[in-house]
Amino acid sequence: MMKLQDELQEIRDNFMQSIPPETADIMTGSMKEIAESGISERVRKTGDRAPGFSLPDVYGTMVSSQEFLSRGPLVISFYRGGW
């Protein structure tokens, strides 16, 4: 079975080969710049507590993280979308 990191690397490699070289160069440079910025040392880690927040649900009704946490653990997932 392939490790997740290996699978992600394969997906990235395939994607980078499918785009124009100048676009790949820009993306590679941007990824290097982000890695060198040290931002990964400042981001929240698994198990860290996030600040409370409120966001609209799919119906436009505001819901709060505290409301969900009162019912149990809260998992937040970000989806970039295909647009």
Protein backbone atom coordinates (compact mmCIF):
# COMPACT_ATOMS: atom_id res chain seq x y z
CA MET A 1 0.00 0.00 0.00
CA MET A 2 1.30 3.47 -0.92
CA LYS A 3 1.89 5.96 1.90
CA LEU A 4 -0.23 9.10 1.78
CA GLN A 5 2.85 11.31 1.40
CA ASP A 6 4.00 9.25 -1.59
CA GLU A 7 0.53 9.38 -3.14
CA LEU A 8 0.36 13.16 -2.72
CA GLN A 9 3.83 13.52 -4.24
CA GLU A 10 2.74 11.45 -7.25
CA ILE A 11 -0.36 13.63 -7.72
CA ARG A 12 1.76 16.79 -7.52
CA ASP A 13 4.34 15.42 -9.95
CA ASN A 14 1.63 14.46 -12.46
CA PHE A 15 0.00 17.88 -12.14
CA MET A 16 3.29 19.74 -12.58
CA GLN A 17 3.96 17.77 -15.78
CA SER A 18 0.53 18.68 -17.15
CA ILE A 19 0.95 22.48 -16.95
CA PRO A 20 3.14 24.82 -19.03
CA PRO A 21 6.78 24.94 -17.83
CA GLU A 22 6.60 28.66 -17.01
CA THR A 23 3.56 28.04 -14.79
CA ALA A 24 5.34 25.12 -13.10
CA ASP A 25 8.36 27.38 -12.48
CA ILE A 26 6.17 30.03 -10.83
CA MET A 27 4.46 27.43 -8.65
CA THR A 28 7.76 25.81 -7.67
CA GLY A 29 9.21 29.20 -6.75
CA SER A 30 6.13 30.09 -4.71
CA MET A 31 6.21 26.76 -2.84
CA LYS A 32 9.90 27.29 -2.06
CA GLU A 33 9.21 30.84 -0.85
CA ILE A 34 6.43 29.61 1.44
CA ALA A 35 8.63 26.81 2.82
CA GLU A 36 11.48 29.23 3.52
CA SER A 37 9.17 31.77 5.20
CA GLY A 38 8.85 29.62 8.31
CA ILE A 39 5.07 29.85 8.26
CA SER A 40 4.69 26.11 8.87
CA GLU A 41 6.18 26.59 12.34
CA ARG A 42 3.51 29.20 13.18
CA VAL A 43 0.37 27.40 11.99
CA ARG A 44 -2.00 25.55 14.29
CA LYS A 45 -1.14 21.91 14.83
CA THR A 46 -3.34 18.89 15.42
CA GLY A 47 -4.89 19.23 18.86
CA ASP A 48 -4.38 23.00 19.13
CA ARG A 49 -7.40 25.02 20.19
CA ALA A 50 -8.78 27.41 17.61
CA PRO A 51 -10.50 30.66 18.52
CA GLY A 52 -14.30 30.66 18.52
CA PHE A 53 -16.00 31.71 15.30
CA SER A 54 -19.37 32.04 13.61
CA LEU A 55 -20.08 31.36 9.95
CA PRO A 56 -23.19 31.08 7.80
CA ASP A 57 -24.42 27.57 7.06
CA VAL A 58 -25.69 26.49 3.63
CA TYR A 59 -28.99 28.26 4.37
CA GLY A 60 -27.36 31.52 5.45
CA THR A 61 -28.09 30.99 9.14
CA MET A 62 -25.21 31.93 11.41
CA VAL A 63 -23.82 29.00 13.40
CA SER A 64 -21.05 29.12 15.97
CA SER A 65 -18.21 26.78 16.73
CA GLN A 66 -19.25 26.87 20.39
CA GLU A 67 -22.70 25.55 19.43
CA PHE A 68 -21.16 22.55 17.69
CA LEU A 69 -18.60 21.98 20.43
CA SER A 70 -21.39 21.75 22.99
CA ARG A 71 -22.52 18.60 21.12
CA GLY A 72 -19.06 16.99 20.91
CA PRO A 73 -15.80 17.25 18.97
CA LEU A 74 -15.71 19.59 15.99
CA VAL A 75 -13.88 18.82 12.76
CA ILE A 76 -13.33 21.63 10.27
CA SER A 77 -12.70 20.74 6.66
CA PHE A 78 -11.73 23.20 3.93
CA TYR A 79 -12.72 22.43 0.36
CA ARG A 80 -11.22 24.54 -2.37
CA GLY A 81 -13.79 23.54 -4.93
CA GLY A 82 -13.44 22.95 -8.63
CA TRP A 83 -14.24 26.42 -9.78
